[in-house]
Amino acid sequence: MTPDNPFDGGKPRPIATVLDALRARIDAERFDAAVVWLEAVAADLGYGDVRPLPGAVAWIEELRGAEKKIALCATGERARAALELAGVAGLFDAILTGPRNSGTLAEATAQLGIEPGDAILVDVAPAGVQAGHEAGFDLLIGVARNLGTPEDLRQAGADMVVADLQELLGAAHGLDR
């Protein structure tokens, strides 16, 4: 008997890759909100210049179009100023500052009026991904930018790792586009 796909040995791959994320389907019915960390949405170019990451903004707008709630977390006191500089403050239902831990994430989901199990977490730092796991988030997405390598993010518990949130555009099955 010949398998339908001769290149598929029938075994799951041991390590997920960015290409896996491109093929991944996210069931939009599984979650009501997303919590994202500032570094996944905006880049600090130094000297007071903060720029939005276009792929992240497009993905967040896609989620907002599907009536998903979005919270942004940041570790610095100047998070709101950075969002204003980047021109994306209006994308978020809640903006919090605090350490990358389960307490900050619990506060974010409480402000959105949901449980962590009904939310996606997006972070660039392994510590944040691990905090999301501890807090009980439904899906943990690591963005490989500056603070962690793809392997670091996977080891911290990321369900998928992407280089840019643009890779997830259209990946949420059930979102109206």
N, C-alpha and C. Protein backbone atom coordinates (compact mmCIF):
# COMPACT_ATOMS: atom_id res chain seq x y z
N MET A 1 0.84 -1.17 0.00
CA MET A 1 0.00 0.00 0.00
C MET A 1 0.90 1.24 0.00
N THR A 2 0.65 2.17 -0.90
CA THR A 2 1.45 3.37 -1.04
C THR A 2 0.79 4.52 -0.29
N PRO A 3 1.56 5.25 0.53
CA PRO A 3 0.96 6.39 1.23
C PRO A 3 0.58 7.49 0.24
N ASP A 4 -0.40 8.30 0.61
CA ASP A 4 -0.84 9.41 -0.25
C ASP A 4 0.29 10.38 -0.55
N ASN A 5 1.15 10.60 0.42
CA ASN A 5 2.28 11.51 0.25
C ASN A 5 3.56 10.71 0.48
N PRO A 6 4.31 10.43 -0.58
CA PRO A 6 5.51 9.61 -0.43
C PRO A 6 6.59 10.28 0.42
N PHE A 7 6.49 11.61 0.66
CA PHE A 7 7.50 12.31 1.45
C PHE A 7 7.13 12.37 2.93
N ASP A 8 5.96 11.86 3.28
CA ASP A 8 5.51 11.88 4.67
C ASP A 8 5.72 10.48 5.25
N GLY A 9 6.64 10.38 6.19
CA GLY A 9 6.93 9.09 6.80
C GLY A 9 5.92 8.72 7.88
N GLY A 10 4.92 9.57 8.10
CA GLY A 10 3.91 9.28 9.10
C GLY A 10 4.32 9.61 10.52
N LYS A 11 5.52 10.16 10.68
CA LYS A 11 6.00 10.51 12.01
C LYS A 11 5.94 12.03 12.19
N PRO A 12 5.53 12.47 13.38
CA PRO A 12 5.57 13.92 13.62
C PRO A 12 7.01 14.40 13.70
N ARG A 13 7.24 15.60 13.25
CA ARG A 13 8.59 16.16 13.34
C ARG A 13 8.87 16.54 14.78
N PRO A 14 10.08 16.27 15.27
CA PRO A 14 10.38 16.51 16.68
C PRO A 14 10.44 17.99 17.05
N ILE A 15 10.80 18.85 16.12
CA ILE A 15 10.93 20.28 16.42
C ILE A 15 10.12 21.07 15.40
N ALA A 16 9.24 21.92 15.91
CA ALA A 16 8.45 22.78 15.01
C ALA A 16 9.36 23.85 14.43
N THR A 17 9.06 24.27 13.21
CA THR A 17 9.84 25.30 12.55
C THR A 17 8.92 26.44 12.13
N VAL A 18 9.51 27.52 11.64
CA VAL A 18 8.72 28.64 11.13
C VAL A 18 7.79 28.16 10.02
N LEU A 19 8.28 27.24 9.19
CA LEU A 19 7.42 26.72 8.12
C LEU A 19 6.21 25.99 8.69
N ASP A 20 6.37 25.35 9.83
CA ASP A 20 5.22 24.71 10.48
C ASP A 20 4.20 25.76 10.87
N ALA A 21 4.66 26.91 11.36
CA ALA A 21 3.74 27.98 11.75
C ALA A 21 2.99 28.50 10.54
N LEU A 22 3.67 28.55 9.39
CA LEU A 22 2.99 29.02 8.19
C LEU A 22 1.85 28.08 7.81
N ARG A 23 2.02 26.81 8.09
CA ARG A 23 0.99 25.82 7.77
C ARG A 23 -0.02 25.67 8.90
N ALA A 24 0.34 26.15 10.07
CA ALA A 24 -0.52 25.96 11.24
C ALA A 24 -1.84 26.69 11.07
N ARG A 25 -2.86 26.07 11.54
CA ARG A 25 -4.18 26.70 11.57
C ARG A 25 -4.52 26.95 13.02
N ILE A 26 -4.91 28.16 13.31
CA ILE A 26 -5.31 28.52 14.66
C ILE A 26 -6.83 28.60 14.67
N ASP A 27 -7.46 27.82 15.50
CA ASP A 27 -8.92 27.82 15.57
C ASP A 27 -9.37 29.07 16.32
N ALA A 28 -9.96 30.02 15.60
CA ALA A 28 -10.38 31.29 16.19
C ALA A 28 -11.46 31.10 17.25
N GLU A 29 -12.16 29.99 17.22
CA GLU A 29 -13.19 29.74 18.22
C GLU A 29 -12.58 29.37 19.57
N ARG A 30 -11.30 29.00 19.58
CA ARG A 30 -10.61 28.60 20.81
C ARG A 30 -10.27 29.77 21.71
N PHE A 31 -10.19 30.98 21.16
CA PHE A 31 -9.74 32.11 21.96
C PHE A 31 -10.60 33.34 21.75
N ASP A 32 -10.64 34.18 22.79
CA ASP A 32 -11.40 35.42 22.76
C ASP A 32 -10.49 36.64 22.73
N ALA A 33 -9.21 36.45 23.02
CA ALA A 33 -8.32 37.60 23.14
C ALA A 33 -6.88 37.18 22.92
N ALA A 34 -6.04 38.20 22.77
CA ALA A 34 -4.60 37.98 22.68
C ALA A 34 -3.91 38.99 23.59
N VAL A 35 -2.85 38.55 24.22
CA VAL A 35 -2.00 39.43 25.01
C VAL A 35 -0.64 39.43 24.31
N VAL A 36 -0.16 40.60 23.94
CA VAL A 36 1.11 40.71 23.23
C VAL A 36 2.05 41.62 24.00
N TRP A 37 3.33 41.33 23.90
CA TRP A 37 4.34 42.18 24.54
C TRP A 37 4.82 43.20 23.53
N LEU A 38 5.18 44.37 24.03
CA LEU A 38 5.55 45.52 23.20
C LEU A 38 6.58 45.18 22.13
N GLU A 39 7.59 44.40 22.48
CA GLU A 39 8.67 44.11 21.53
C GLU A 39 8.20 43.29 20.33
N ALA A 40 7.05 42.66 20.42
CA ALA A 40 6.50 41.91 19.29
C ALA A 40 5.72 42.82 18.35
N VAL A 41 5.46 44.06 18.79
CA VAL A 41 4.62 44.99 18.02
C VAL A 41 5.40 46.20 17.50
N ALA A 42 6.41 46.62 18.25
CA ALA A 42 7.15 47.83 17.88
C ALA A 42 8.64 47.61 18.10
N ALA A 43 9.43 48.29 17.28
CA ALA A 43 10.88 48.22 17.39
C ALA A 43 11.41 49.56 17.88
N ASP A 44 12.23 49.51 18.92
CA ASP A 44 12.87 50.71 19.44
C ASP A 44 14.19 50.88 18.69
N LEU A 45 14.24 51.90 17.85
CA LEU A 45 15.43 52.13 17.03
C LEU A 45 16.46 52.99 17.76
N GLY A 46 16.15 53.39 18.98
CA GLY A 46 17.05 54.23 19.75
C GLY A 46 16.80 55.70 19.50
N TYR A 47 17.33 56.51 20.36
CA TYR A 47 17.22 57.97 20.24
C TYR A 47 15.76 58.43 20.17
N GLY A 48 14.87 57.72 20.85
CA GLY A 48 13.46 58.12 20.89
C GLY A 48 12.67 57.76 19.65
N ASP A 49 13.21 56.94 18.78
CA ASP A 49 12.51 56.54 17.55
C ASP A 49 11.95 55.13 17.72
N VAL A 50 10.63 55.03 17.77
CA VAL A 50 9.96 53.74 17.90
C VAL A 50 9.09 53.55 16.66
N ARG A 51 9.22 52.41 16.03
CA ARG A 51 8.47 52.14 14.80
C ARG A 51 7.60 50.91 14.98
N PRO A 52 6.38 50.95 14.43
CA PRO A 52 5.53 49.75 14.48
C PRO A 52 6.07 48.69 13.53
N LEU A 53 5.85 47.44 13.87
CA LEU A 53 6.20 46.34 12.97
C LEU A 53 4.97 46.06 12.12
N PRO A 54 5.03 46.35 10.82
CA PRO A 54 3.84 46.26 9.97
C PRO A 54 3.12 44.92 10.01
N GLY A 55 3.87 43.82 10.06
CA GLY A 55 3.24 42.50 10.10
C GLY A 55 2.46 42.29 11.37
N ALA A 56 3.00 42.77 12.49
CA ALA A 56 2.31 42.65 13.77
C ALA A 56 1.04 43.48 13.77
N VAL A 57 1.14 44.70 13.26
CA VAL A 57 -0.04 45.59 13.21
C VAL A 57 -1.13 44.96 12.34
N ALA A 58 -0.75 44.41 11.20
CA ALA A 58 -1.74 43.77 10.31
C ALA A 58 -2.41 42.58 11.00
N TRP A 59 -1.63 41.78 11.73
CA TRP A 59 -2.21 40.62 12.42
C TRP A 59 -3.16 41.06 13.53
N ILE A 60 -2.75 42.08 14.30
CA ILE A 60 -3.63 42.59 15.35
C ILE A 60 -4.90 43.17 14.76
N GLU A 61 -4.79 43.89 13.66
CA GLU A 61 -5.98 44.42 13.01
C GLU A 61 -6.89 43.31 12.52
N GLU A 62 -6.31 42.20 12.06
CA GLU A 62 -7.11 41.05 11.65
C GLU A 62 -7.88 40.49 12.86
N LEU A 63 -7.21 40.37 13.99
CA LEU A 63 -7.88 39.88 15.20
C LEU A 63 -8.97 40.85 15.66
N ARG A 64 -8.68 42.14 15.62
CA ARG A 64 -9.67 43.13 16.03
C ARG A 64 -10.87 43.11 15.09
N GLY A 65 -10.64 42.87 13.82
CA GLY A 65 -11.73 42.76 12.86
C GLY A 65 -12.64 41.58 13.17
N ALA A 66 -12.11 40.58 13.84
CA ALA A 66 -12.89 39.42 14.25
C ALA A 66 -13.42 39.59 15.68
N GLU A 67 -13.34 40.82 16.18
CA GLU A 67 -13.86 41.18 17.51
C GLU A 67 -13.14 40.46 18.65
N LYS A 68 -11.86 40.21 18.47
CA LYS A 68 -11.03 39.67 19.54
C LYS A 68 -10.47 40.84 20.34
N LYS A 69 -10.37 40.68 21.65
CA LYS A 69 -9.79 41.71 22.51
C LYS A 69 -8.28 41.57 22.50
N ILE A 70 -7.59 42.71 22.64
CA ILE A 70 -6.13 42.70 22.59
C ILE A 70 -5.59 43.53 23.75
N ALA A 71 -4.68 42.94 24.51
CA ALA A 71 -3.97 43.67 25.56
C ALA A 71 -2.49 43.72 25.20
N LEU A 72 -1.86 44.80 25.58
CA LEU A 72 -0.43 44.94 25.38
C LEU A 72 0.24 45.05 26.74
N CYS A 73 1.33 44.32 26.91
CA CYS A 73 2.12 44.38 28.13
C CYS A 73 3.51 44.90 27.78
N ALA A 74 4.09 45.62 28.72
CA ALA A 74 5.44 46.13 28.53
C ALA A 74 6.12 46.20 29.88
N THR A 75 7.44 46.11 29.86
CA THR A 75 8.18 46.15 31.12
C THR A 75 8.59 47.55 31.51
N GLY A 76 8.62 48.49 30.60
CA GLY A 76 9.08 49.84 30.90
C GLY A 76 7.94 50.79 31.24
N GLU A 77 8.28 51.81 31.97
CA GLU A 77 7.31 52.83 32.35
C GLU A 77 6.86 53.66 31.16
N ARG A 78 7.65 53.66 30.10
CA ARG A 78 7.34 54.52 28.96
C ARG A 78 6.61 53.78 27.84
N ALA A 79 5.91 52.71 28.18
CA ALA A 79 5.22 51.91 27.16
C ALA A 79 4.20 52.71 26.39
N ARG A 80 3.37 53.48 27.10
CA ARG A 80 2.34 54.25 26.41
C ARG A 80 2.97 55.28 25.48
N ALA A 81 4.05 55.92 25.92
CA ALA A 81 4.74 56.89 25.07
C ALA A 81 5.30 56.20 23.83
N ALA A 82 5.86 54.99 24.00
CA ALA A 82 6.38 54.25 22.85
C ALA A 82 5.27 53.91 21.87
N LEU A 83 4.11 53.51 22.40
CA LEU A 83 2.98 53.19 21.53
C LEU A 83 2.47 54.42 20.79
N GLU A 84 2.47 55.55 21.47
CA GLU A 84 2.06 56.81 20.83
C GLU A 84 3.04 57.17 19.72
N LEU A 85 4.34 57.04 20.00
CA LEU A 85 5.35 57.33 18.98
C LEU A 85 5.19 56.40 17.77
N ALA A 86 4.89 55.14 18.05
CA ALA A 86 4.72 54.17 16.97
C ALA A 86 3.38 54.33 16.27
N GLY A 87 2.45 55.06 16.90
CA GLY A 87 1.14 55.30 16.29
C GLY A 87 0.19 54.12 16.39
N VAL A 88 0.37 53.25 17.38
CA VAL A 88 -0.46 52.05 17.46
C VAL A 88 -1.22 51.91 18.79
N ALA A 89 -1.21 52.94 19.62
CA ALA A 89 -1.86 52.85 20.93
C ALA A 89 -3.34 52.50 20.81
N GLY A 90 -3.99 52.93 19.76
CA GLY A 90 -5.43 52.69 19.58
C GLY A 90 -5.80 51.26 19.24
N LEU A 91 -4.82 50.40 19.03
CA LEU A 91 -5.10 49.00 18.69
C LEU A 91 -5.46 48.15 19.90
N PHE A 92 -5.23 48.67 21.11
CA PHE A 92 -5.30 47.83 22.29
C PHE A 92 -6.45 48.20 23.21
N ASP A 93 -7.09 47.18 23.76
CA ASP A 93 -8.17 47.38 24.72
C ASP A 93 -7.62 47.64 26.11
N ALA A 94 -6.41 47.19 26.38
CA ALA A 94 -5.77 47.40 27.68
C ALA A 94 -4.27 47.48 27.45
N ILE A 95 -3.62 48.36 28.22
CA ILE A 95 -2.17 48.51 28.16
C ILE A 95 -1.65 48.44 29.60
N LEU A 96 -0.75 47.49 29.86
CA LEU A 96 -0.22 47.30 31.20
C LEU A 96 1.29 47.35 31.21
N THR A 97 1.85 47.79 32.31
CA THR A 97 3.28 47.69 32.50
C THR A 97 3.54 46.82 33.73
N GLY A 98 4.59 46.05 33.64
CA GLY A 98 4.94 45.17 34.75
C GLY A 98 5.97 44.17 34.32
N PRO A 99 6.43 43.37 35.25
CA PRO A 99 7.45 42.36 34.91
C PRO A 99 6.85 41.23 34.09
N ARG A 100 7.71 40.51 33.39
CA ARG A 100 7.28 39.34 32.62
C ARG A 100 7.04 38.20 33.60
N ASN A 101 5.82 38.15 34.14
CA ASN A 101 5.48 37.06 35.04
C ASN A 101 3.99 36.77 34.94
N SER A 102 3.57 35.69 35.58
CA SER A 102 2.17 35.28 35.48
C SER A 102 1.23 36.29 36.13
N GLY A 103 1.71 37.06 37.09
CA GLY A 103 0.87 38.08 37.72
C GLY A 103 0.48 39.19 36.75
N THR A 104 1.45 39.66 35.97
CA THR A 104 1.17 40.69 34.97
C THR A 104 0.20 40.14 33.92
N LEU A 105 0.40 38.90 33.52
CA LEU A 105 -0.47 38.30 32.52
C LEU A 105 -1.88 38.08 33.06
N ALA A 106 -1.99 37.70 34.33
CA ALA A 106 -3.31 37.54 34.95
C ALA A 106 -4.03 38.88 35.01
N GLU A 107 -3.29 39.94 35.30
CA GLU A 107 -3.89 41.27 35.33
C GLU A 107 -4.37 41.68 33.94
N ALA A 108 -3.59 41.35 32.91
CA ALA A 108 -3.98 41.69 31.53
C ALA A 108 -5.27 40.99 31.15
N THR A 109 -5.38 39.70 31.44
CA THR A 109 -6.60 38.98 31.07
C THR A 109 -7.78 39.45 31.91
N ALA A 110 -7.54 39.80 33.17
CA ALA A 110 -8.62 40.33 34.01
C ALA A 110 -9.14 41.64 33.44
N GLN A 111 -8.24 42.50 32.97
CA GLN A 111 -8.68 43.77 32.37
C GLN A 111 -9.48 43.54 31.10
N LEU A 112 -9.19 42.45 30.40
CA LEU A 112 -9.96 42.12 29.19
C LEU A 112 -11.26 41.40 29.53
N GLY A 113 -11.39 40.94 30.77
CA GLY A 113 -12.60 40.23 31.19
C GLY A 113 -12.65 38.79 30.72
N ILE A 114 -11.48 38.17 30.59
CA ILE A 114 -11.42 36.77 30.15
C ILE A 114 -10.47 35.98 31.03
N GLU A 115 -10.48 34.68 30.88
CA GLU A 115 -9.55 33.79 31.57
C GLU A 115 -8.35 33.54 30.67
N PRO A 116 -7.16 33.31 31.24
CA PRO A 116 -5.99 33.02 30.42
C PRO A 116 -6.19 31.84 29.46
N GLY A 117 -6.99 30.86 29.84
CA GLY A 117 -7.24 29.72 28.98
C GLY A 117 -8.03 30.06 27.73
N ASP A 118 -8.57 31.29 27.67
CA ASP A 118 -9.32 31.75 26.50
C ASP A 118 -8.52 32.76 25.69
N ALA A 119 -7.19 32.76 25.88
CA ALA A 119 -6.36 33.77 25.23
C ALA A 119 -5.09 33.18 24.63
N ILE A 120 -4.55 33.92 23.67
CA ILE A 120 -3.26 33.65 23.05
C ILE A 120 -2.26 34.60 23.70
N LEU A 121 -1.04 34.13 23.92
CA LEU A 121 0.03 35.00 24.38
C LEU A 121 1.09 35.07 23.29
N VAL A 122 1.56 36.29 23.02
CA VAL A 122 2.64 36.50 22.06
C VAL A 122 3.76 37.22 22.79
N ASP A 123 4.95 36.63 22.78
CA ASP A 123 6.09 37.25 23.45
C ASP A 123 7.37 36.92 22.71
N VAL A 124 8.37 37.77 22.93
CA VAL A 124 9.68 37.59 22.30
C VAL A 124 10.69 37.00 23.27
N ALA A 125 10.34 36.92 24.55
CA ALA A 125 11.28 36.47 25.57
C ALA A 125 10.89 35.11 26.12
N PRO A 126 11.85 34.22 26.26
CA PRO A 126 11.56 32.92 26.86
C PRO A 126 10.89 33.03 28.23
N ALA A 127 11.32 34.01 29.05
CA ALA A 127 10.71 34.18 30.38
C ALA A 127 9.23 34.51 30.26
N GLY A 128 8.85 35.28 29.27
CA GLY A 128 7.44 35.63 29.06
C GLY A 128 6.63 34.44 28.59
N VAL A 129 7.21 33.64 27.71
CA VAL A 129 6.53 32.43 27.24
C VAL A 129 6.32 31.47 28.41
N GLN A 130 7.34 31.32 29.23
CA GLN A 130 7.21 30.44 30.39
C GLN A 130 6.15 30.97 31.36
N ALA A 131 6.09 32.28 31.56
CA ALA A 131 5.06 32.88 32.42
C ALA A 131 3.67 32.62 31.84
N GLY A 132 3.55 32.68 30.52
CA GLY A 132 2.27 32.38 29.88
C GLY A 132 1.85 30.94 30.09
N HIS A 133 2.83 30.05 30.05
CA HIS A 133 2.55 28.63 30.32
C HIS A 133 2.06 28.47 31.75
N GLU A 134 2.76 29.10 32.69
CA GLU A 134 2.37 29.03 34.10
C GLU A 134 0.99 29.64 34.35
N ALA A 135 0.66 30.69 33.61
CA ALA A 135 -0.63 31.37 33.79
C ALA A 135 -1.77 30.59 33.15
N GLY A 136 -1.46 29.63 32.28
CA GLY A 136 -2.49 28.80 31.67
C GLY A 136 -3.05 29.31 30.36
N PHE A 137 -2.26 30.06 29.59
CA PHE A 137 -2.73 30.54 28.29
C PHE A 137 -2.97 29.37 27.35
N ASP A 138 -3.94 29.53 26.47
CA ASP A 138 -4.33 28.47 25.55
C ASP A 138 -3.27 28.19 24.50
N LEU A 139 -2.68 29.26 23.95
CA LEU A 139 -1.71 29.11 22.88
C LEU A 139 -0.58 30.10 23.13
N LEU A 140 0.65 29.63 23.04
CA LEU A 140 1.83 30.46 23.28
C LEU A 140 2.60 30.60 21.97
N ILE A 141 2.72 31.85 21.51
CA ILE A 141 3.42 32.13 20.27
C ILE A 141 4.68 32.91 20.59
N GLY A 142 5.82 32.38 20.21
CA GLY A 142 7.09 33.06 20.39
C GLY A 142 7.47 33.77 19.11
N VAL A 143 7.94 35.00 19.24
CA VAL A 143 8.44 35.76 18.10
C VAL A 143 9.94 35.89 18.28
N ALA A 144 10.70 35.31 17.37
CA ALA A 144 12.16 35.28 17.48
C ALA A 144 12.74 36.64 17.10
N ARG A 145 12.78 37.52 18.10
CA ARG A 145 13.32 38.88 17.94
C ARG A 145 14.15 39.21 19.16
N ASN A 146 15.40 39.40 19.03
CA ASN A 146 16.29 39.96 20.05
C ASN A 146 16.41 39.17 21.35
N LEU A 147 15.33 38.89 22.05
CA LEU A 147 15.43 38.36 23.41
C LEU A 147 15.49 36.84 23.50
N GLY A 148 15.24 36.15 22.41
CA GLY A 148 15.30 34.70 22.47
C GLY A 148 15.40 34.08 21.09
N THR A 149 16.18 33.03 20.99
CA THR A 149 16.28 32.30 19.74
C THR A 149 15.04 31.42 19.59
N PRO A 150 14.76 30.93 18.41
CA PRO A 150 13.64 30.01 18.25
C PRO A 150 13.73 28.82 19.21
N GLU A 151 14.92 28.27 19.37
CA GLU A 151 15.07 27.13 20.27
C GLU A 151 14.81 27.52 21.72
N ASP A 152 15.29 28.70 22.14
CA ASP A 152 15.01 29.19 23.50
C ASP A 152 13.51 29.31 23.74
N LEU A 153 12.81 29.86 22.76
CA LEU A 153 11.36 30.05 22.88
C LEU A 153 10.62 28.72 22.94
N ARG A 154 11.05 27.76 22.11
CA ARG A 154 10.44 26.43 22.14
C ARG A 154 10.66 25.76 23.48
N GLN A 155 11.89 25.83 23.99
CA GLN A 155 12.20 25.21 25.27
C GLN A 155 11.42 25.84 26.42
N ALA A 156 11.07 27.12 26.27
CA ALA A 156 10.29 27.80 27.30
C ALA A 156 8.81 27.41 27.23
N GLY A 157 8.41 26.74 26.14
CA GLY A 157 7.03 26.27 26.04
C GLY A 157 6.22 26.84 24.89
N ALA A 158 6.86 27.58 23.98
CA ALA A 158 6.11 28.14 22.85
C ALA A 158 5.52 27.03 22.00
N ASP A 159 4.24 27.16 21.68
CA ASP A 159 3.58 26.19 20.81
C ASP A 159 4.01 26.37 19.36
N MET A 160 4.32 27.61 19.01
CA MET A 160 4.85 27.91 17.68
C MET A 160 5.76 29.11 17.78
N VAL A 161 6.72 29.18 16.87
CA VAL A 161 7.67 30.28 16.84
C VAL A 161 7.66 30.85 15.43
N VAL A 162 7.59 32.19 15.34
CA VAL A 162 7.61 32.87 14.06
C VAL A 162 8.67 33.96 14.11
N ALA A 163 9.09 34.41 12.95
CA ALA A 163 10.04 35.52 12.88
C ALA A 163 9.30 36.85 12.93
N ASP A 164 8.06 36.86 12.46
CA ASP A 164 7.23 38.06 12.42
C ASP A 164 5.78 37.62 12.47
N LEU A 165 4.94 38.39 13.13
CA LEU A 165 3.53 38.01 13.24
C LEU A 165 2.81 38.03 11.89
N GLN A 166 3.43 38.63 10.89
CA GLN A 166 2.87 38.60 9.53
C GLN A 166 2.68 37.16 9.06
N GLU A 167 3.52 36.26 9.54
CA GLU A 167 3.43 34.85 9.15
C GLU A 167 2.11 34.23 9.58
N LEU A 168 1.43 34.86 10.54
CA LEU A 168 0.16 34.32 11.04
C LEU A 168 -1.06 34.94 10.38
N LEU A 169 -0.85 35.90 9.48
CA LEU A 169 -1.99 36.50 8.79
C LEU A 169 -2.78 35.40 8.06
N GLY A 170 -4.05 35.33 8.33
CA GLY A 170 -4.90 34.33 7.70
C GLY A 170 -4.77 32.95 8.30
N ALA A 171 -3.91 32.77 9.30
CA ALA A 171 -3.72 31.44 9.89
C ALA A 171 -4.81 31.07 10.88
N ALA A 172 -5.57 32.09 11.33
CA ALA A 172 -6.63 31.81 12.30
C ALA A 172 -7.89 31.38 11.54
N HIS A 173 -8.13 30.11 11.52
CA HIS A 173 -9.29 29.54 10.85
C HIS A 173 -10.57 30.04 11.54
N GLY A 174 -11.46 30.61 10.75
CA GLY A 174 -12.70 31.09 11.31
C GLY A 174 -12.75 32.60 11.49
N LEU A 175 -11.63 33.30 11.24
CA LEU A 175 -11.66 34.76 11.29
C LEU A 175 -12.23 35.29 9.99
N ASP A 176 -13.14 36.21 10.10
CA ASP A 176 -13.68 36.85 8.90
C ASP A 176 -12.66 37.86 8.38
N ARG A 177 -12.37 37.78 7.11
CA ARG A 177 -11.39 38.70 6.54
C ARG A 177 -12.08 39.72 5.70
